[in-house]
Amino acid sequence: MNENDISYDIRGAAFKVNSELGPGLLESVYETALTFELEEIGYDVKRQVAIPMNYKKIEFEVGFRLDIIVNNLVIVEVKSVENLLDVHHKQLLTYLKLTNKKLGLLINFNSSSLKQSITRIVNGL
């Protein structure tokens, strides 16, 4: 499967989670539920994946943590905030660059319209 096929299934799983749980919960709840839904349909899903970072001669063992990575191809950043900010988009783009991945989804579950709260971020796709 390519990134776009995986992205389609992630969105479908996010809609299931949103329909079942609604808005207003902690990000960790949505992350756990979304991981469950994706594993149920056969995806390899990893949560809270450490990303090492190097700055000049300094090596950080864990610079950042990805919320979810699906089939080692698509990064999913889960939010539960009033409004997505520009920094949230930049954060995901930086994760894509650091991991050399091409596609990420930024999903804000604390929204009255999940369809309007899923953003695709691409890195050279």
PDB file of N, CA and C in Angstrom:
ATOM      1  N   MET A   1       0.840  -1.190   0.000  1.00  0.00           N
ATOM      2  CA  MET A   1       0.000   0.000   0.000  1.00  0.00           C
ATOM      3  C   MET A   1       0.877   1.243   0.000  1.00  0.00           C
ATOM      4  N   ASN A   2       0.398   2.261  -0.681  1.00  0.00           N
ATOM      5  CA  ASN A   2       1.142   3.519  -0.675  1.00  0.00           C
ATOM      6  C   ASN A   2       0.569   4.470   0.375  1.00  0.00           C
ATOM      7  N   GLU A   3       1.225   5.608   0.523  1.00  0.00           N
ATOM      8  CA  GLU A   3       0.839   6.576   1.549  1.00  0.00           C
ATOM      9  C   GLU A   3      -0.612   7.036   1.410  1.00  0.00           C
ATOM     10  N   ASN A   4      -1.058   7.260   0.191  1.00  0.00           N
ATOM     11  CA  ASN A   4      -2.425   7.748  -0.018  1.00  0.00           C
ATOM     12  C   ASN A   4      -3.477   6.713   0.377  1.00  0.00           C
ATOM     13  N   ASP A   5      -3.216   5.439   0.079  1.00  0.00           N
ATOM     14  CA  ASP A   5      -4.142   4.370   0.481  1.00  0.00           C
ATOM     15  C   ASP A   5      -4.228   4.284   2.005  1.00  0.00           C
ATOM     16  N   ILE A   6      -3.074   4.352   2.643  1.00  0.00           N
ATOM     17  CA  ILE A   6      -3.025   4.291   4.104  1.00  0.00           C
ATOM     18  C   ILE A   6      -3.750   5.501   4.698  1.00  0.00           C
ATOM     19  N   SER A   7      -3.513   6.663   4.118  1.00  0.00           N
ATOM     20  CA  SER A   7      -4.141   7.897   4.586  1.00  0.00           C
ATOM     21  C   SER A   7      -5.664   7.787   4.538  1.00  0.00           C
ATOM     22  N   TYR A   8      -6.184   7.202   3.500  1.00  0.00           N
ATOM     23  CA  TYR A   8      -7.627   7.017   3.360  1.00  0.00           C
ATOM     24  C   TYR A   8      -8.174   6.184   4.525  1.00  0.00           C
ATOM     25  N   ASP A   9      -7.484   5.084   4.842  1.00  0.00           N
ATOM     26  CA  ASP A   9      -7.927   4.221   5.932  1.00  0.00           C
ATOM     27  C   ASP A   9      -7.776   4.897   7.295  1.00  0.00           C
ATOM     28  N   ILE A  10      -6.734   5.700   7.455  1.00  0.00           N
ATOM     29  CA  ILE A  10      -6.555   6.432   8.714  1.00  0.00           C
ATOM     30  C   ILE A  10      -7.715   7.388   8.927  1.00  0.00           C
ATOM     31  N   ARG A  11      -8.092   8.102   7.876  1.00  0.00           N
ATOM     32  CA  ARG A  11      -9.225   9.021   7.996  1.00  0.00           C
ATOM     33  C   ARG A  11     -10.506   8.271   8.365  1.00  0.00           C
ATOM     34  N   GLY A  12     -10.729   7.135   7.724  1.00  0.00           N
ATOM     35  CA  GLY A  12     -11.907   6.336   8.051  1.00  0.00           C
ATOM     36  C   GLY A  12     -11.906   5.883   9.503  1.00  0.00           C
ATOM     37  N   ALA A  13     -10.753   5.459   9.992  1.00  0.00           N
ATOM     38  CA  ALA A  13     -10.637   5.038  11.388  1.00  0.00           C
ATOM     39  C   ALA A  13     -10.850   6.226  12.329  1.00  0.00           C
ATOM     40  N   ALA A  14     -10.346   7.390  11.949  1.00  0.00           N
ATOM     41  CA  ALA A  14     -10.529   8.594  12.770  1.00  0.00           C
ATOM     42  C   ALA A  14     -12.003   8.959  12.871  1.00  0.00           C
ATOM     43  N   PHE A  15     -12.746   8.822  11.782  1.00  0.00           N
ATOM     44  CA  PHE A  15     -14.179   9.104  11.814  1.00  0.00           C
ATOM     45  C   PHE A  15     -14.912   8.132  12.737  1.00  0.00           C
ATOM     46  N   LYS A  16     -14.492   6.855  12.736  1.00  0.00           N
ATOM     47  CA  LYS A  16     -15.098   5.881  13.644  1.00  0.00           C
ATOM     48  C   LYS A  16     -14.852   6.279  15.099  1.00  0.00           C
ATOM     49  N   VAL A  17     -13.613   6.623  15.398  1.00  0.00           N
ATOM     50  CA  VAL A  17     -13.258   7.020  16.763  1.00  0.00           C
ATOM     51  C   VAL A  17     -14.047   8.255  17.169  1.00  0.00           C
ATOM     52  N   ASN A  18     -14.097   9.232  16.294  1.00  0.00           N
ATOM     53  CA  ASN A  18     -14.807  10.476  16.591  1.00  0.00           C
ATOM     54  C   ASN A  18     -16.306  10.220  16.810  1.00  0.00           C
ATOM     55  N   SER A  19     -16.874   9.361  15.999  1.00  0.00           N
ATOM     56  CA  SER A  19     -18.289   9.044  16.117  1.00  0.00           C
ATOM     57  C   SER A  19     -18.587   8.359  17.448  1.00  0.00           C
ATOM     58  N   GLU A  20     -17.692   7.500  17.865  1.00  0.00           N
ATOM     59  CA  GLU A  20     -17.888   6.747  19.105  1.00  0.00           C
ATOM     60  C   GLU A  20     -17.625   7.594  20.357  1.00  0.00           C
ATOM     61  N   LEU A  21     -16.564   8.400  20.323  1.00  0.00           N
ATOM     62  CA  LEU A  21     -16.131   9.109  21.530  1.00  0.00           C
ATOM     63  C   LEU A  21     -16.554  10.572  21.604  1.00  0.00           C
ATOM     64  N   GLY A  22     -16.703  11.217  20.447  1.00  0.00           N
ATOM     65  CA  GLY A  22     -17.023  12.640  20.443  1.00  0.00           C
ATOM     66  C   GLY A  22     -15.831  13.484  20.864  1.00  0.00           C
ATOM     67  N   PRO A  23     -16.001  14.807  20.902  1.00  0.00           N
ATOM     68  CA  PRO A  23     -14.900  15.707  21.269  1.00  0.00           C
ATOM     69  C   PRO A  23     -14.744  15.832  22.784  1.00  0.00           C
ATOM     70  N   GLY A  24     -13.612  16.422  23.197  1.00  0.00           N
ATOM     71  CA  GLY A  24     -13.437  16.818  24.582  1.00  0.00           C
ATOM     72  C   GLY A  24     -12.593  15.920  25.460  1.00  0.00           C
ATOM     73  N   LEU A  25     -12.050  14.838  24.914  1.00  0.00           N
ATOM     74  CA  LEU A  25     -11.225  13.935  25.718  1.00  0.00           C
ATOM     75  C   LEU A  25      -9.741  14.250  25.532  1.00  0.00           C
ATOM     76  N   LEU A  26      -8.907  13.588  26.297  1.00  0.00           N
ATOM     77  CA  LEU A  26      -7.464  13.776  26.183  1.00  0.00           C
ATOM     78  C   LEU A  26      -6.935  13.169  24.887  1.00  0.00           C
ATOM     79  N   GLU A  27      -5.847  13.738  24.396  1.00  0.00           N
ATOM     80  CA  GLU A  27      -5.218  13.229  23.172  1.00  0.00           C
ATOM     81  C   GLU A  27      -4.871  11.751  23.298  1.00  0.00           C
ATOM     82  N   SER A  28      -4.405  11.340  24.460  1.00  0.00           N
ATOM     83  CA  SER A  28      -3.993   9.944  24.656  1.00  0.00           C
ATOM     84  C   SER A  28      -5.151   8.972  24.448  1.00  0.00           C
ATOM     85  N   VAL A  29      -6.366   9.389  24.772  1.00  0.00           N
ATOM     86  CA  VAL A  29      -7.540   8.531  24.560  1.00  0.00           C
ATOM     87  C   VAL A  29      -7.765   8.328  23.066  1.00  0.00           C
ATOM     88  N   TYR A  30      -7.723   9.416  22.304  1.00  0.00           N
ATOM     89  CA  TYR A  30      -7.920   9.317  20.853  1.00  0.00           C
ATOM     90  C   TYR A  30      -6.788   8.536  20.196  1.00  0.00           C
ATOM     91  N   GLU A  31      -5.582   8.744  20.676  1.00  0.00           N
ATOM     92  CA  GLU A  31      -4.425   8.032  20.134  1.00  0.00           C
ATOM     93  C   GLU A  31      -4.575   6.527  20.344  1.00  0.00           C
ATOM     94  N   THR A  32      -4.986   6.132  21.524  1.00  0.00           N
ATOM     95  CA  THR A  32      -5.181   4.711  21.830  1.00  0.00           C
ATOM     96  C   THR A  32      -6.303   4.115  20.984  1.00  0.00           C
ATOM     97  N   ALA A  33      -7.417   4.823  20.895  1.00  0.00           N
ATOM     98  CA  ALA A  33      -8.556   4.324  20.115  1.00  0.00           C
ATOM     99  C   ALA A  33      -8.224   4.243  18.625  1.00  0.00           C
ATOM    100  N   LEU A  34      -7.537   5.254  18.103  1.00  0.00           N
ATOM    101  CA  LEU A  34      -7.168   5.243  16.691  1.00  0.00           C
ATOM    102  C   LEU A  34      -6.192   4.110  16.395  1.00  0.00           C
ATOM    103  N   THR A  35      -5.254   3.892  17.285  1.00  0.00           N
ATOM    104  CA  THR A  35      -4.319   2.771  17.123  1.00  0.00           C
ATOM    105  C   THR A  35      -5.082   1.451  17.076  1.00  0.00           C
ATOM    106  N   PHE A  36      -6.030   1.276  17.978  1.00  0.00           N
ATOM    107  CA  PHE A  36      -6.841   0.060  18.002  1.00  0.00           C
ATOM    108  C   PHE A  36      -7.557  -0.148  16.668  1.00  0.00           C
ATOM    109  N   GLU A  37      -8.222   0.892  16.179  1.00  0.00           N
ATOM    110  CA  GLU A  37      -8.978   0.785  14.920  1.00  0.00           C
ATOM    111  C   GLU A  37      -8.061   0.415  13.753  1.00  0.00           C
ATOM    112  N   LEU A  38      -6.893   1.004  13.705  1.00  0.00           N
ATOM    113  CA  LEU A  38      -5.968   0.728  12.596  1.00  0.00           C
ATOM    114  C   LEU A  38      -5.385  -0.679  12.686  1.00  0.00           C
ATOM    115  N   GLU A  39      -5.089  -1.132  13.900  1.00  0.00           N
ATOM    116  CA  GLU A  39      -4.597  -2.498  14.055  1.00  0.00           C
ATOM    117  C   GLU A  39      -5.682  -3.511  13.709  1.00  0.00           C
ATOM    118  N   GLU A  40      -6.932  -3.175  14.006  1.00  0.00           N
ATOM    119  CA  GLU A  40      -8.059  -4.064  13.694  1.00  0.00           C
ATOM    120  C   GLU A  40      -8.175  -4.318  12.193  1.00  0.00           C
ATOM    121  N   ILE A  41      -7.776  -3.350  11.373  1.00  0.00           N
ATOM    122  CA  ILE A  41      -7.866  -3.561   9.918  1.00  0.00           C
ATOM    123  C   ILE A  41      -6.531  -4.009   9.324  1.00  0.00           C
ATOM    124  N   GLY A  42      -5.583  -4.351  10.201  1.00  0.00           N
ATOM    125  CA  GLY A  42      -4.375  -5.019   9.738  1.00  0.00           C
ATOM    126  C   GLY A  42      -3.124  -4.176   9.581  1.00  0.00           C
ATOM    127  N   TYR A  43      -3.144  -2.948  10.038  1.00  0.00           N
ATOM    128  CA  TYR A  43      -1.955  -2.108   9.898  1.00  0.00           C
ATOM    129  C   TYR A  43      -0.956  -2.343  11.022  1.00  0.00           C
ATOM    130  N   ASP A  44       0.313  -2.143  10.700  1.00  0.00           N
ATOM    131  CA  ASP A  44       1.383  -2.125  11.686  1.00  0.00           C
ATOM    132  C   ASP A  44       1.424  -0.698  12.236  1.00  0.00           C
ATOM    133  N   VAL A  45       1.076  -0.546  13.499  1.00  0.00           N
ATOM    134  CA  VAL A  45       0.955   0.777  14.099  1.00  0.00           C
ATOM    135  C   VAL A  45       1.868   0.863  15.309  1.00  0.00           C
ATOM    136  N   LYS A  46       2.648   1.939  15.345  1.00  0.00           N
ATOM    137  CA  LYS A  46       3.506   2.187  16.496  1.00  0.00           C
ATOM    138  C   LYS A  46       3.120   3.528  17.105  1.00  0.00           C
ATOM    139  N   ARG A  47       3.114   3.570  18.446  1.00  0.00           N
ATOM    140  CA  ARG A  47       2.762   4.786  19.184  1.00  0.00           C
ATOM    141  C   ARG A  47       3.974   5.325  19.918  1.00  0.00           C
ATOM    142  N   GLN A  48       3.980   6.651  20.064  1.00  0.00           N
ATOM    143  CA  GLN A  48       5.009   7.336  20.836  1.00  0.00           C
ATOM    144  C   GLN A  48       6.411   6.888  20.421  1.00  0.00           C
ATOM    145  N   VAL A  49       6.669   7.007  19.126  1.00  0.00           N
ATOM    146  CA  VAL A  49       7.938   6.581  18.547  1.00  0.00           C
ATOM    147  C   VAL A  49       8.989   7.676  18.752  1.00  0.00           C
ATOM    148  N   ALA A  50      10.099   7.306  19.352  1.00  0.00           N
ATOM    149  CA  ALA A  50      11.185   8.250  19.607  1.00  0.00           C
ATOM    150  C   ALA A  50      11.921   8.586  18.319  1.00  0.00           C
ATOM    151  N   ILE A  51      12.201   9.867  18.136  1.00  0.00           N
ATOM    152  CA  ILE A  51      12.986  10.325  16.994  1.00  0.00           C
ATOM    153  C   ILE A  51      14.281  10.926  17.544  1.00  0.00           C
ATOM    154  N   PRO A  52      15.414  10.291  17.267  1.00  0.00           N
ATOM    155  CA  PRO A  52      16.667  10.892  17.710  1.00  0.00           C
ATOM    156  C   PRO A  52      16.955  12.157  16.910  1.00  0.00           C
ATOM    157  N   MET A  53      17.726  13.036  17.489  1.00  0.00           N
ATOM    158  CA  MET A  53      18.045  14.295  16.816  1.00  0.00           C
ATOM    159  C   MET A  53      19.508  14.645  17.044  1.00  0.00           C
ATOM    160  N   ASN A  54      20.126  15.143  16.014  1.00  0.00           N
ATOM    161  CA  ASN A  54      21.504  15.607  16.099  1.00  0.00           C
ATOM    162  C   ASN A  54      21.551  17.100  15.842  1.00  0.00           C
ATOM    163  N   TYR A  55      22.330  17.773  16.661  1.00  0.00           N
ATOM    164  CA  TYR A  55      22.578  19.191  16.449  1.00  0.00           C
ATOM    165  C   TYR A  55      24.074  19.395  16.585  1.00  0.00           C
ATOM    166  N   LYS A  56      24.711  19.688  15.447  1.00  0.00           N
ATOM    167  CA  LYS A  56      26.169  19.805  15.388  1.00  0.00           C
ATOM    168  C   LYS A  56      26.788  18.549  15.991  1.00  0.00           C
ATOM    169  N   LYS A  57      27.491  18.650  17.110  1.00  0.00           N
ATOM    170  CA  LYS A  57      28.127  17.469  17.714  1.00  0.00           C
ATOM    171  C   LYS A  57      27.317  16.889  18.868  1.00  0.00           C
ATOM    172  N   ILE A  58      26.144  17.451  19.099  1.00  0.00           N
ATOM    173  CA  ILE A  58      25.301  16.975  20.193  1.00  0.00           C
ATOM    174  C   ILE A  58      24.295  15.972  19.641  1.00  0.00           C
ATOM    175  N   GLU A  59      24.243  14.813  20.281  1.00  0.00           N
ATOM    176  CA  GLU A  59      23.270  13.796  19.878  1.00  0.00           C
ATOM    177  C   GLU A  59      22.236  13.634  20.982  1.00  0.00           C
ATOM    178  N   PHE A  60      20.992  13.852  20.627  1.00  0.00           N
ATOM    179  CA  PHE A  60      19.884  13.646  21.550  1.00  0.00           C
ATOM    180  C   PHE A  60      19.308  12.271  21.258  1.00  0.00           C
ATOM    181  N   GLU A  61      19.310  11.407  22.257  1.00  0.00           N
ATOM    182  CA  GLU A  61      18.774  10.061  22.044  1.00  0.00           C
ATOM    183  C   GLU A  61      17.301  10.118  21.658  1.00  0.00           C
ATOM    184  N   VAL A  62      16.570  10.960  22.356  1.00  0.00           N
ATOM    185  CA  VAL A  62      15.158  11.160  22.034  1.00  0.00           C
ATOM    186  C   VAL A  62      14.927  12.658  21.924  1.00  0.00           C
ATOM    187  N   GLY A  63      14.842  13.132  20.691  1.00  0.00           N
ATOM    188  CA  GLY A  63      14.572  14.544  20.482  1.00  0.00           C
ATOM    189  C   GLY A  63      13.085  14.827  20.500  1.00  0.00           C
ATOM    190  N   PHE A  64      12.329  13.922  19.913  1.00  0.00           N
ATOM    191  CA  PHE A  64      10.885  14.100  19.780  1.00  0.00           C
ATOM    192  C   PHE A  64      10.205  12.745  19.862  1.00  0.00           C
ATOM    193  N   ARG A  65       8.893  12.767  19.979  1.00  0.00           N
ATOM    194  CA  ARG A  65       8.099  11.533  19.931  1.00  0.00           C
ATOM    195  C   ARG A  65       6.926  11.734  18.980  1.00  0.00           C
ATOM    196  N   LEU A  66       6.846  10.839  18.000  1.00  0.00           N
ATOM    197  CA  LEU A  66       5.702  10.829  17.095  1.00  0.00           C
ATOM    198  C   LEU A  66       4.525  10.211  17.826  1.00  0.00           C
ATOM    199  N   ASP A  67       3.330  10.729  17.606  1.00  0.00           N
ATOM    200  CA  ASP A  67       2.153  10.112  18.218  1.00  0.00           C
ATOM    201  C   ASP A  67       1.939   8.714  17.647  1.00  0.00           C
ATOM    202  N   ILE A  68       1.806   8.642  16.320  1.00  0.00           N
ATOM    203  CA  ILE A  68       1.523   7.360  15.649  1.00  0.00           C
ATOM    204  C   ILE A  68       2.256   7.328  14.317  1.00  0.00           C
ATOM    205  N   ILE A  69       2.787   6.159  13.967  1.00  0.00           N
ATOM    206  CA  ILE A  69       3.290   5.941  12.609  1.00  0.00           C
ATOM    207  C   ILE A  69       2.676   4.638  12.104  1.00  0.00           C
ATOM    208  N   VAL A  70       2.135   4.685  10.900  1.00  0.00           N
ATOM    209  CA  VAL A  70       1.393   3.565  10.327  1.00  0.00           C
ATOM    210  C   VAL A  70       2.200   2.961   9.179  1.00  0.00           C
ATOM    211  N   ASN A  71       2.448   1.653   9.290  1.00  0.00           N
ATOM    212  CA  ASN A  71       3.216   0.905   8.293  1.00  0.00           C
ATOM    213  C   ASN A  71       4.561   1.561   7.985  1.00  0.00           C
ATOM    214  N   ASN A  72       5.093   2.255   8.943  1.00  0.00           N
ATOM    215  CA  ASN A  72       6.363   2.965   8.807  1.00  0.00           C
ATOM    216  C   ASN A  72       6.362   3.926   7.617  1.00  0.00           C
ATOM    217  N   LEU A  73       5.181   4.422   7.249  1.00  0.00           N
ATOM    218  CA  LEU A  73       5.067   5.327   6.107  1.00  0.00           C
ATOM    219  C   LEU A  73       4.353   6.638   6.421  1.00  0.00           C
ATOM    220  N   VAL A  74       3.291   6.584   7.198  1.00  0.00           N
ATOM    221  CA  VAL A  74       2.463   7.775   7.434  1.00  0.00           C
ATOM    222  C   VAL A  74       2.486   8.123   8.921  1.00  0.00           C
ATOM    223  N   ILE A  75       2.833   9.379   9.197  1.00  0.00           N
ATOM    224  CA  ILE A  75       2.851   9.880  10.566  1.00  0.00           C
ATOM    225  C   ILE A  75       1.500  10.521  10.870  1.00  0.00           C
ATOM    226  N   VAL A  76       0.978  10.234  12.055  1.00  0.00           N
ATOM    227  CA  VAL A  76      -0.273  10.841  12.503  1.00  0.00           C
ATOM    228  C   VAL A  76      -0.007  11.587  13.806  1.00  0.00           C
ATOM    229  N   GLU A  77      -0.296  12.872  13.793  1.00  0.00           N
ATOM    230  CA  GLU A  77      -0.220  13.676  15.009  1.00  0.00           C
ATOM    231  C   GLU A  77      -1.637  13.914  15.498  1.00  0.00           C
ATOM    232  N   VAL A  78      -1.912  13.468  16.711  1.00  0.00           N
ATOM    233  CA  VAL A  78      -3.236  13.567  17.297  1.00  0.00           C
ATOM    234  C   VAL A  78      -3.276  14.776  18.219  1.00  0.00           C
ATOM    235  N   LYS A  79      -4.294  15.594  18.028  1.00  0.00           N
ATOM    236  CA  LYS A  79      -4.504  16.766  18.881  1.00  0.00           C
ATOM    237  C   LYS A  79      -5.930  16.735  19.424  1.00  0.00           C
ATOM    238  N   SER A  80      -6.105  17.399  20.551  1.00  0.00           N
ATOM    239  CA  SER A  80      -7.424  17.630  21.119  1.00  0.00           C
ATOM    240  C   SER A  80      -7.395  19.039  21.703  1.00  0.00           C
ATOM    241  N   VAL A  81      -7.435  20.011  20.792  1.00  0.00           N
ATOM    242  CA  VAL A  81      -7.286  21.420  21.161  1.00  0.00           C
ATOM    243  C   VAL A  81      -8.436  22.234  20.585  1.00  0.00           C
ATOM    244  N   GLU A  82      -8.628  23.417  21.144  1.00  0.00           N
ATOM    245  CA  GLU A  82      -9.701  24.298  20.674  1.00  0.00           C
ATOM    246  C   GLU A  82      -9.507  24.644  19.201  1.00  0.00           C
ATOM    247  N   ASN A  83      -8.278  25.037  18.844  1.00  0.00           N
ATOM    248  CA  ASN A  83      -7.941  25.394  17.462  1.00  0.00           C
ATOM    249  C   ASN A  83      -6.535  24.921  17.133  1.00  0.00           C
ATOM    250  N   LEU A  84      -6.371  24.393  15.941  1.00  0.00           N
ATOM    251  CA  LEU A  84      -5.020  24.064  15.483  1.00  0.00           C
ATOM    252  C   LEU A  84      -4.279  25.359  15.192  1.00  0.00           C
ATOM    253  N   LEU A  85      -3.043  25.395  15.584  1.00  0.00           N
ATOM    254  CA  LEU A  85      -2.200  26.559  15.345  1.00  0.00           C
ATOM    255  C   LEU A  85      -1.167  26.244  14.280  1.00  0.00           C
ATOM    256  N   ASP A  86      -0.554  27.277  13.756  1.00  0.00           N
ATOM    257  CA  ASP A  86       0.486  27.111  12.743  1.00  0.00           C
ATOM    258  C   ASP A  86       1.621  26.228  13.257  1.00  0.00           C
ATOM    259  N   VAL A  87       1.921  26.336  14.548  1.00  0.00           N
ATOM    260  CA  VAL A  87       3.000  25.539  15.127  1.00  0.00           C
ATOM    261  C   VAL A  87       2.705  24.042  15.039  1.00  0.00           C
ATOM    262  N   HIS A  88       1.455  23.635  15.104  1.00  0.00           N
ATOM    263  CA  HIS A  88       1.099  22.222  14.984  1.00  0.00           C
ATOM    264  C   HIS A  88       1.426  21.695  13.587  1.00  0.00           C
ATOM    265  N   HIS A  89       1.143  22.495  12.571  1.00  0.00           N
ATOM    266  CA  HIS A  89       1.469  22.112  11.200  1.00  0.00           C
ATOM    267  C   HIS A  89       2.981  22.033  11.004  1.00  0.00           C
ATOM    268  N   LYS A  90       3.690  23.015  11.544  1.00  0.00           N
ATOM    269  CA  LYS A  90       5.150  23.039  11.421  1.00  0.00           C
ATOM    270  C   LYS A  90       5.785  21.860  12.148  1.00  0.00           C
ATOM    271  N   GLN A  91       5.234  21.504  13.292  1.00  0.00           N
ATOM    272  CA  GLN A  91       5.739  20.371  14.059  1.00  0.00           C
ATOM    273  C   GLN A  91       5.678  19.091  13.225  1.00  0.00           C
ATOM    274  N   LEU A  92       4.544  18.848  12.606  1.00  0.00           N
ATOM    275  CA  LEU A  92       4.397  17.636  11.798  1.00  0.00           C
ATOM    276  C   LEU A  92       5.319  17.673  10.591  1.00  0.00           C
ATOM    277  N   LEU A  93       5.435  18.803   9.941  1.00  0.00           N
ATOM    278  CA  LEU A  93       6.355  18.901   8.799  1.00  0.00           C
ATOM    279  C   LEU A  93       7.791  18.631   9.231  1.00  0.00           C
ATOM    280  N   THR A  94       8.178  19.120  10.384  1.00  0.00           N
ATOM    281  CA  THR A  94       9.530  18.853  10.900  1.00  0.00           C
ATOM    282  C   THR A  94       9.716  17.366  11.163  1.00  0.00           C
ATOM    283  N   TYR A  95       8.709  16.706  11.751  1.00  0.00           N
ATOM    284  CA  TYR A  95       8.788  15.266  11.968  1.00  0.00           C
ATOM    285  C   TYR A  95       8.960  14.509  10.650  1.00  0.00           C
ATOM    286  N   LEU A  96       8.230  14.933   9.630  1.00  0.00           N
ATOM    287  CA  LEU A  96       8.356  14.296   8.315  1.00  0.00           C
ATOM    288  C   LEU A  96       9.776  14.451   7.777  1.00  0.00           C
ATOM    289  N   LYS A  97      10.332  15.628   7.917  1.00  0.00           N
ATOM    290  CA  LYS A  97      11.694  15.876   7.425  1.00  0.00           C
ATOM    291  C   LYS A  97      12.727  15.080   8.212  1.00  0.00           C
ATOM    292  N   LEU A  98      12.597  15.062   9.541  1.00  0.00           N
ATOM    293  CA  LEU A  98      13.561  14.337  10.375  1.00  0.00           C
ATOM    294  C   LEU A  98      13.538  12.834  10.125  1.00  0.00           C
ATOM    295  N   THR A  99      12.377  12.301   9.771  1.00  0.00           N
ATOM    296  CA  THR A  99      12.243  10.857   9.548  1.00  0.00           C
ATOM    297  C   THR A  99      12.295  10.481   8.065  1.00  0.00           C
ATOM    298  N   ASN A 100      12.379  11.487   7.216  1.00  0.00           N
ATOM    299  CA  ASN A 100      12.387  11.269   5.766  1.00  0.00           C
ATOM    300  C   ASN A 100      11.120  10.547   5.281  1.00  0.00           C
ATOM    301  N   LYS A 101       9.998  10.887   5.909  1.00  0.00           N
ATOM    302  CA  LYS A 101       8.707  10.353   5.477  1.00  0.00           C
ATOM    303  C   LYS A 101       8.031  11.393   4.588  1.00  0.00           C
ATOM    304  N   LYS A 102       7.085  10.938   3.784  1.00  0.00           N
ATOM    305  CA  LYS A 102       6.467  11.820   2.803  1.00  0.00           C
ATOM    306  C   LYS A 102       5.110  12.377   3.207  1.00  0.00           C
ATOM    307  N   LEU A 103       4.368  11.666   4.065  1.00  0.00           N
ATOM    308  CA  LEU A 103       3.007  12.091   4.351  1.00  0.00           C
ATOM    309  C   LEU A 103       2.691  11.990   5.836  1.00  0.00           C
ATOM    310  N   GLY A 104       1.999  13.022   6.311  1.00  0.00           N
ATOM    311  CA  GLY A 104       1.525  13.029   7.685  1.00  0.00           C
ATOM    312  C   GLY A 104       0.110  13.569   7.743  1.00  0.00           C
ATOM    313  N   LEU A 105      -0.615  13.146   8.753  1.00  0.00           N
ATOM    314  CA  LEU A 105      -1.964  13.656   8.999  1.00  0.00           C
ATOM    315  C   LEU A 105      -1.999  14.289  10.380  1.00  0.00           C
ATOM    316  N   LEU A 106      -2.520  15.494  10.432  1.00  0.00           N
ATOM    317  CA  LEU A 106      -2.735  16.208  11.676  1.00  0.00           C
ATOM    318  C   LEU A 106      -4.232  16.149  11.945  1.00  0.00           C
ATOM    319  N   ILE A 107      -4.618  15.512  13.049  1.00  0.00           N
ATOM    320  CA  ILE A 107      -6.036  15.295  13.344  1.00  0.00           C
ATOM    321  C   ILE A 107      -6.372  15.930  14.686  1.00  0.00           C
ATOM    322  N   ASN A 108      -7.322  16.872  14.659  1.00  0.00           N
ATOM    323  CA  ASN A 108      -7.804  17.496  15.884  1.00  0.00           C
ATOM    324  C   ASN A 108      -9.178  16.917  16.228  1.00  0.00           C
ATOM    325  N   PHE A 109      -9.216  16.078  17.248  1.00  0.00           N
ATOM    326  CA  PHE A 109     -10.462  15.430  17.638  1.00  0.00           C
ATOM    327  C   PHE A 109     -11.385  16.337  18.441  1.00  0.00           C
ATOM    328  N   ASN A 110     -10.900  17.460  18.889  1.00  0.00           N
ATOM    329  CA  ASN A 110     -11.736  18.378  19.677  1.00  0.00           C
ATOM    330  C   ASN A 110     -12.384  19.397  18.743  1.00  0.00           C
ATOM    331  N   SER A 111     -13.218  18.902  17.871  1.00  0.00           N
ATOM    332  CA  SER A 111     -13.821  19.742  16.845  1.00  0.00           C
ATOM    333  C   SER A 111     -15.247  19.284  16.589  1.00  0.00           C
ATOM    334  N   SER A 112     -16.093  20.227  16.219  1.00  0.00           N
ATOM    335  CA  SER A 112     -17.468  19.858  15.886  1.00  0.00           C
ATOM    336  C   SER A 112     -17.549  19.207  14.506  1.00  0.00           C
ATOM    337  N   SER A 113     -16.526  19.437  13.670  1.00  0.00           N
ATOM    338  CA  SER A 113     -16.483  18.825  12.343  1.00  0.00           C
ATOM    339  C   SER A 113     -15.106  18.210  12.114  1.00  0.00           C
ATOM    340  N   LEU A 114     -15.018  16.895  12.322  1.00  0.00           N
ATOM    341  CA  LEU A 114     -13.725  16.234  12.138  1.00  0.00           C
ATOM    342  C   LEU A 114     -13.236  16.363  10.702  1.00  0.00           C
ATOM    343  N   LYS A 115     -14.152  16.347   9.755  1.00  0.00           N
ATOM    344  CA  LYS A 115     -13.771  16.466   8.345  1.00  0.00           C
ATOM    345  C   LYS A 115     -12.952  17.733   8.101  1.00  0.00           C
ATOM    346  N   GLN A 116     -13.296  18.816   8.796  1.00  0.00           N
ATOM    347  CA  GLN A 116     -12.573  20.083   8.656  1.00  0.00           C
ATOM    348  C   GLN A 116     -11.326  20.131   9.530  1.00  0.00           C
ATOM    349  N   SER A 117     -11.119  19.089  10.345  1.00  0.00           N
ATOM    350  CA  SER A 117     -10.027  19.102  11.315  1.00  0.00           C
ATOM    351  C   SER A 117      -8.964  18.059  11.035  1.00  0.00           C
ATOM    352  N   ILE A 118      -8.935  17.543   9.808  1.00  0.00           N
ATOM    353  CA  ILE A 118      -7.884  16.634   9.385  1.00  0.00           C
ATOM    354  C   ILE A 118      -7.097  17.330   8.277  1.00  0.00           C
ATOM    355  N   THR A 119      -5.807  17.480   8.512  1.00  0.00           N
ATOM    356  CA  THR A 119      -4.952  18.179   7.558  1.00  0.00           C
ATOM    357  C   THR A 119      -3.851  17.238   7.076  1.00  0.00           C
ATOM    358  N   ARG A 120      -3.699  17.172   5.762  1.00  0.00           N
ATOM    359  CA  ARG A 120      -2.587  16.414   5.158  1.00  0.00           C
ATOM    360  C   ARG A 120      -1.385  17.330   5.067  1.00  0.00           C
ATOM    361  N   ILE A 121      -0.250  16.849   5.523  1.00  0.00           N
ATOM    362  CA  ILE A 121       0.999  17.590   5.409  1.00  0.00           C
ATOM    363  C   ILE A 121       1.937  16.698   4.588  1.00  0.00           C
ATOM    364  N   VAL A 122       2.521  17.272   3.544  1.00  0.00           N
ATOM    365  CA  VAL A 122       3.386  16.478   2.686  1.00  0.00           C
ATOM    366  C   VAL A 122       4.817  16.986   2.706  1.00  0.00           C
ATOM    367  N   ASN A 123       5.719  16.073   2.486  1.00  0.00           N
ATOM    368  CA  ASN A 123       7.143  16.347   2.422  1.00  0.00           C
ATOM    369  C   ASN A 123       7.662  15.731   1.127  1.00  0.00           C
ATOM    370  N   GLY A 124       7.520  16.447   0.045  1.00  0.00           N
ATOM    371  CA  GLY A 124       8.041  15.986  -1.231  1.00  0.00           C
ATOM    372  C   GLY A 124       7.236  14.877  -1.885  1.00  0.00           C
ATOM    373  N   LEU A 125       5.968  14.756  -1.565  1.00  0.00           N
ATOM    374  CA  LEU A 125       5.125  13.708  -2.159  1.00  0.00           C
ATOM    375  C   LEU A 125       4.604  14.152  -3.507  1.00  0.00           C
TER     376      LEU A 125
END
